[in-house]
Amino acid sequence: MTKVKSTEKYVNTAKRYLEDNKIENTPIFIDSAFEGDFTGSGVTGAVLEICDSNRRDRTSKPYSQNWGKQQFEENKTAFVNAILMIDDLNKPLEYRIIKSNIWTHLDETKYTTENIGFIANLDTDKQLELLISNSYYEYRDYSIVDLD
């Protein structure tokens, strides 16, 4: 497994995820990506972490304009944090959702951010697992997902 430096080739996968969730006007970026044979099938796949760029600035547009529910619905905008898996890089638009967080409101106290920690064999079987770091302000924990 390798960490990917340039994530540009996954942009269409991220856009498909937004389309599938009816989110049209949310600027996103791929925060991190890893490639490898995660399922043991001999096929190279990828794991992506997608985040919206609305929250990069301290006063993003929804905050600075004090958007309500109607503005989110009409503009089809959301705060997004997701981890997706592409089983086969030859089929980049076919993905599975490992974690998906979509918020259509401004209540910042309910946001969690889940980041890819690392991918490794974390138990006694031969299957790789994904360790996900969960952040909620000062609270930190993690979860583990089998990549089968």
C-alpha atoms as a PDB file:
ATOM      1  CA  MET A   1       0.000   0.000   0.000  1.00  0.00           C
ATOM      2  CA  THR A   2       1.233   3.489  -0.849  1.00  0.00           C
ATOM      3  CA  LYS A   3       0.137   6.974   0.102  1.00  0.00           C
ATOM      4  CA  VAL A   4      -0.749   8.873  -3.072  1.00  0.00           C
ATOM      5  CA  LYS A   5       0.769  12.334  -3.458  1.00  0.00           C
ATOM      6  CA  SER A   6      -1.381  13.562  -6.346  1.00  0.00           C
ATOM      7  CA  THR A   7      -5.071  12.824  -5.824  1.00  0.00           C
ATOM      8  CA  GLU A   8      -6.289  14.528  -8.997  1.00  0.00           C
ATOM      9  CA  LYS A   9      -7.257  11.221 -10.640  1.00  0.00           C
ATOM     10  CA  TYR A  10      -9.879  10.655  -7.914  1.00  0.00           C
ATOM     11  CA  VAL A  11     -11.759  13.915  -8.406  1.00  0.00           C
ATOM     12  CA  ASN A  12     -14.447  12.250 -10.553  1.00  0.00           C
ATOM     13  CA  THR A  13     -15.055   9.663  -7.834  1.00  0.00           C
ATOM     14  CA  ALA A  14     -15.540  12.465  -5.303  1.00  0.00           C
ATOM     15  CA  LYS A  15     -17.890  14.281  -7.698  1.00  0.00           C
ATOM     16  CA  ARG A  16     -19.901  11.069  -8.194  1.00  0.00           C
ATOM     17  CA  TYR A  17     -20.231  10.733  -4.407  1.00  0.00           C
ATOM     18  CA  LEU A  18     -21.598  14.301  -4.231  1.00  0.00           C
ATOM     19  CA  GLU A  19     -24.014  13.637  -7.135  1.00  0.00           C
ATOM     20  CA  ASP A  20     -25.236  10.420  -5.540  1.00  0.00           C
ATOM     21  CA  ASN A  21     -25.999  12.404  -2.376  1.00  0.00           C
ATOM     22  CA  LYS A  22     -27.626  15.294  -4.307  1.00  0.00           C
ATOM     23  CA  ILE A  23     -24.985  17.802  -3.257  1.00  0.00           C
ATOM     24  CA  GLU A  24     -24.202  20.102  -6.161  1.00  0.00           C
ATOM     25  CA  ASN A  25     -22.523  23.239  -4.858  1.00  0.00           C
ATOM     26  CA  THR A  26     -20.067  22.024  -2.259  1.00  0.00           C
ATOM     27  CA  PRO A  27     -16.391  22.584  -2.993  1.00  0.00           C
ATOM     28  CA  ILE A  28     -14.424  19.513  -1.917  1.00  0.00           C
ATOM     29  CA  PHE A  29     -10.856  18.278  -1.813  1.00  0.00           C
ATOM     30  CA  ILE A  30      -9.317  14.850  -1.335  1.00  0.00           C
ATOM     31  CA  ASP A  31      -7.402  15.147   1.899  1.00  0.00           C
ATOM     32  CA  SER A  32      -5.558  11.838   1.592  1.00  0.00           C
ATOM     33  CA  ALA A  33      -5.525   8.705  -0.544  1.00  0.00           C
ATOM     34  CA  PHE A  34      -3.874   5.303  -0.383  1.00  0.00           C
ATOM     35  CA  GLU A  35      -3.509   2.734  -3.170  1.00  0.00           C
ATOM     36  CA  GLY A  36      -2.934  -0.987  -2.825  1.00  0.00           C
ATOM     37  CA  ASP A  37      -4.463  -4.451  -2.874  1.00  0.00           C
ATOM     38  CA  PHE A  38      -6.674  -3.952   0.165  1.00  0.00           C
ATOM     39  CA  THR A  39      -8.933  -6.973  -0.303  1.00  0.00           C
ATOM     40  CA  GLY A  40      -6.306  -9.609  -1.120  1.00  0.00           C
ATOM     41  CA  SER A  41      -7.857 -10.202  -4.545  1.00  0.00           C
ATOM     42  CA  GLY A  42      -4.779  -9.110  -6.507  1.00  0.00           C
ATOM     43  CA  VAL A  43      -6.557  -5.971  -7.770  1.00  0.00           C
ATOM     44  CA  THR A  44      -5.251  -2.495  -6.968  1.00  0.00           C
ATOM     45  CA  GLY A  45      -7.782  -0.227  -5.320  1.00  0.00           C
ATOM     46  CA  ALA A  46      -7.809   3.033  -3.393  1.00  0.00           C
ATOM     47  CA  VAL A  47      -9.090   4.486  -0.124  1.00  0.00           C
ATOM     48  CA  LEU A  48      -9.937   8.216  -0.195  1.00  0.00           C
ATOM     49  CA  GLU A  49     -10.754  10.789   2.432  1.00  0.00           C
ATOM     50  CA  ILE A  50     -12.966  13.575   1.067  1.00  0.00           C
ATOM     51  CA  CYS A  51     -13.641  16.852   2.888  1.00  0.00           C
ATOM     52  CA  ASP A  52     -15.524  20.001   1.978  1.00  0.00           C
ATOM     53  CA  SER A  53     -13.525  23.176   1.693  1.00  0.00           C
ATOM     54  CA  ASN A  54     -16.352  25.255   3.213  1.00  0.00           C
ATOM     55  CA  ARG A  55     -14.736  24.937   6.626  1.00  0.00           C
ATOM     56  CA  ARG A  56     -11.158  25.711   5.592  1.00  0.00           C
ATOM     57  CA  ASP A  57     -11.661  29.381   6.382  1.00  0.00           C
ATOM     58  CA  ARG A  58     -12.826  30.439   9.805  1.00  0.00           C
ATOM     59  CA  THR A  59     -15.855  32.241   8.333  1.00  0.00           C
ATOM     60  CA  SER A  60     -16.945  30.177   5.351  1.00  0.00           C
ATOM     61  CA  LYS A  61     -19.819  31.438   3.225  1.00  0.00           C
ATOM     62  CA  PRO A  62     -22.600  29.546   5.083  1.00  0.00           C
ATOM     63  CA  TYR A  63     -21.315  30.909   8.409  1.00  0.00           C
ATOM     64  CA  SER A  64     -20.612  34.453   7.251  1.00  0.00           C
ATOM     65  CA  GLN A  65     -24.074  34.691   5.663  1.00  0.00           C
ATOM     66  CA  ASN A  66     -25.763  32.829   8.523  1.00  0.00           C
ATOM     67  CA  TRP A  67     -27.451  30.308   6.242  1.00  0.00           C
ATOM     68  CA  GLY A  68     -30.551  28.504   7.418  1.00  0.00           C
ATOM     69  CA  LYS A  69     -32.028  25.185   6.282  1.00  0.00           C
ATOM     70  CA  GLN A  70     -33.648  26.748   3.208  1.00  0.00           C
ATOM     71  CA  GLN A  71     -30.334  28.070   1.845  1.00  0.00           C
ATOM     72  CA  PHE A  72     -28.725  24.642   2.213  1.00  0.00           C
ATOM     73  CA  GLU A  73     -31.643  22.940   0.443  1.00  0.00           C
ATOM     74  CA  GLU A  74     -31.997  25.486  -2.366  1.00  0.00           C
ATOM     75  CA  ASN A  75     -28.283  25.612  -3.048  1.00  0.00           C
ATOM     76  CA  LYS A  76     -27.796  21.842  -2.558  1.00  0.00           C
ATOM     77  CA  THR A  77     -24.823  22.584  -0.333  1.00  0.00           C
ATOM     78  CA  ALA A  78     -23.516  20.650   2.655  1.00  0.00           C
ATOM     79  CA  PHE A  79     -20.573  20.122   4.951  1.00  0.00           C
ATOM     80  CA  VAL A  80     -18.985  16.828   3.917  1.00  0.00           C
ATOM     81  CA  ASN A  81     -16.484  14.391   5.398  1.00  0.00           C
ATOM     82  CA  ALA A  82     -16.319  10.885   3.880  1.00  0.00           C
ATOM     83  CA  ILE A  83     -14.024   7.919   3.471  1.00  0.00           C
ATOM     84  CA  LEU A  84     -14.589   5.987   0.243  1.00  0.00           C
ATOM     85  CA  MET A  85     -13.068   2.811  -1.136  1.00  0.00           C
ATOM     86  CA  ILE A  86     -12.547   2.016  -4.812  1.00  0.00           C
ATOM     87  CA  ASP A  87     -12.081  -1.751  -5.123  1.00  0.00           C
ATOM     88  CA  ASP A  88     -10.635  -1.600  -8.644  1.00  0.00           C
ATOM     89  CA  LEU A  89      -8.750   1.414 -10.040  1.00  0.00           C
ATOM     90  CA  ASN A  90      -9.903   0.356 -13.525  1.00  0.00           C
ATOM     91  CA  LYS A  91     -13.437   1.255 -12.350  1.00  0.00           C
ATOM     92  CA  PRO A  92     -12.858   4.546 -10.500  1.00  0.00           C
ATOM     93  CA  LEU A  93     -16.538   5.562 -10.419  1.00  0.00           C
ATOM     94  CA  GLU A  94     -17.525   2.384  -8.563  1.00  0.00           C
ATOM     95  CA  TYR A  95     -16.935   3.070  -4.887  1.00  0.00           C
ATOM     96  CA  ARG A  96     -18.046   1.874  -1.480  1.00  0.00           C
ATOM     97  CA  ILE A  97     -18.755   4.172   1.446  1.00  0.00           C
ATOM     98  CA  ILE A  98     -16.732   3.355   4.535  1.00  0.00           C
ATOM     99  CA  LYS A  99     -17.802   6.473   6.442  1.00  0.00           C
ATOM    100  CA  SER A 100     -20.095   9.257   5.268  1.00  0.00           C
ATOM    101  CA  ASN A 101     -20.881  12.426   7.206  1.00  0.00           C
ATOM    102  CA  ILE A 102     -23.074  15.026   5.525  1.00  0.00           C
ATOM    103  CA  TRP A 103     -24.450  18.033   7.413  1.00  0.00           C
ATOM    104  CA  THR A 104     -26.975  20.482   6.007  1.00  0.00           C
ATOM    105  CA  HIS A 105     -27.004  22.890   8.919  1.00  0.00           C
ATOM    106  CA  LEU A 106     -24.700  25.203  10.843  1.00  0.00           C
ATOM    107  CA  ASP A 107     -24.720  23.570  14.269  1.00  0.00           C
ATOM    108  CA  GLU A 108     -20.959  23.167  14.574  1.00  0.00           C
ATOM    109  CA  THR A 109     -21.199  21.337  17.895  1.00  0.00           C
ATOM    110  CA  LYS A 110     -22.478  18.204  16.135  1.00  0.00           C
ATOM    111  CA  TYR A 111     -19.657  17.910  13.592  1.00  0.00           C
ATOM    112  CA  THR A 112     -17.176  15.092  13.759  1.00  0.00           C
ATOM    113  CA  THR A 113     -14.262  14.673  11.420  1.00  0.00           C
ATOM    114  CA  GLU A 114     -13.069  11.195  10.631  1.00  0.00           C
ATOM    115  CA  ASN A 115      -9.607  10.850   9.153  1.00  0.00           C
ATOM    116  CA  ILE A 116      -7.708   7.924   7.726  1.00  0.00           C
ATOM    117  CA  GLY A 117      -5.219   6.902  10.387  1.00  0.00           C
ATOM    118  CA  PHE A 118      -3.455   4.016   8.659  1.00  0.00           C
ATOM    119  CA  ILE A 119      -4.106   0.734   6.896  1.00  0.00           C
ATOM    120  CA  ALA A 120      -2.534  -2.449   8.253  1.00  0.00           C
ATOM    121  CA  ASN A 121      -3.266  -5.951   9.433  1.00  0.00           C
ATOM    122  CA  LEU A 122      -4.409  -5.113  12.948  1.00  0.00           C
ATOM    123  CA  ASP A 123      -5.543  -8.545  14.130  1.00  0.00           C
ATOM    124  CA  THR A 124      -4.851 -12.253  13.642  1.00  0.00           C
ATOM    125  CA  ASP A 125      -6.501 -12.754  10.229  1.00  0.00           C
ATOM    126  CA  LYS A 126      -4.890 -11.917   6.871  1.00  0.00           C
ATOM    127  CA  GLN A 127      -7.401  -9.134   6.104  1.00  0.00           C
ATOM    128  CA  LEU A 128      -6.265  -5.517   6.145  1.00  0.00           C
ATOM    129  CA  GLU A 129      -8.083  -3.050   8.375  1.00  0.00           C
ATOM    130  CA  LEU A 130      -8.470   0.699   8.194  1.00  0.00           C
ATOM    131  CA  LEU A 131      -7.925   2.619  11.410  1.00  0.00           C
ATOM    132  CA  ILE A 132     -10.028   5.790  11.448  1.00  0.00           C
ATOM    133  CA  SER A 133      -9.234   8.619  13.822  1.00  0.00           C
ATOM    134  CA  ASN A 134     -12.392  10.365  15.054  1.00  0.00           C
ATOM    135  CA  SER A 135     -12.154  13.967  16.165  1.00  0.00           C
ATOM    136  CA  TYR A 136     -14.798  15.868  18.083  1.00  0.00           C
ATOM    137  CA  TYR A 137     -13.235  19.041  19.395  1.00  0.00           C
ATOM    138  CA  GLU A 138     -11.171  17.925  22.399  1.00  0.00           C
ATOM    139  CA  TYR A 139     -12.518  14.377  22.287  1.00  0.00           C
ATOM    140  CA  ARG A 140     -10.499  11.801  20.296  1.00  0.00           C
ATOM    141  CA  ASP A 141     -11.037   8.116  19.673  1.00  0.00           C
ATOM    142  CA  TYR A 142     -10.760   5.676  16.799  1.00  0.00           C
ATOM    143  CA  SER A 143     -12.625   2.930  14.981  1.00  0.00           C
ATOM    144  CA  ILE A 144     -11.447   0.006  12.884  1.00  0.00           C
ATOM    145  CA  VAL A 145     -13.049  -1.156   9.611  1.00  0.00           C
ATOM    146  CA  ASP A 146     -12.240  -4.403   7.778  1.00  0.00           C
ATOM    147  CA  LEU A 147     -11.366  -3.758   4.121  1.00  0.00           C
ATOM    148  CA  ASP A 148     -12.947  -6.872   2.632  1.00  0.00           C
END
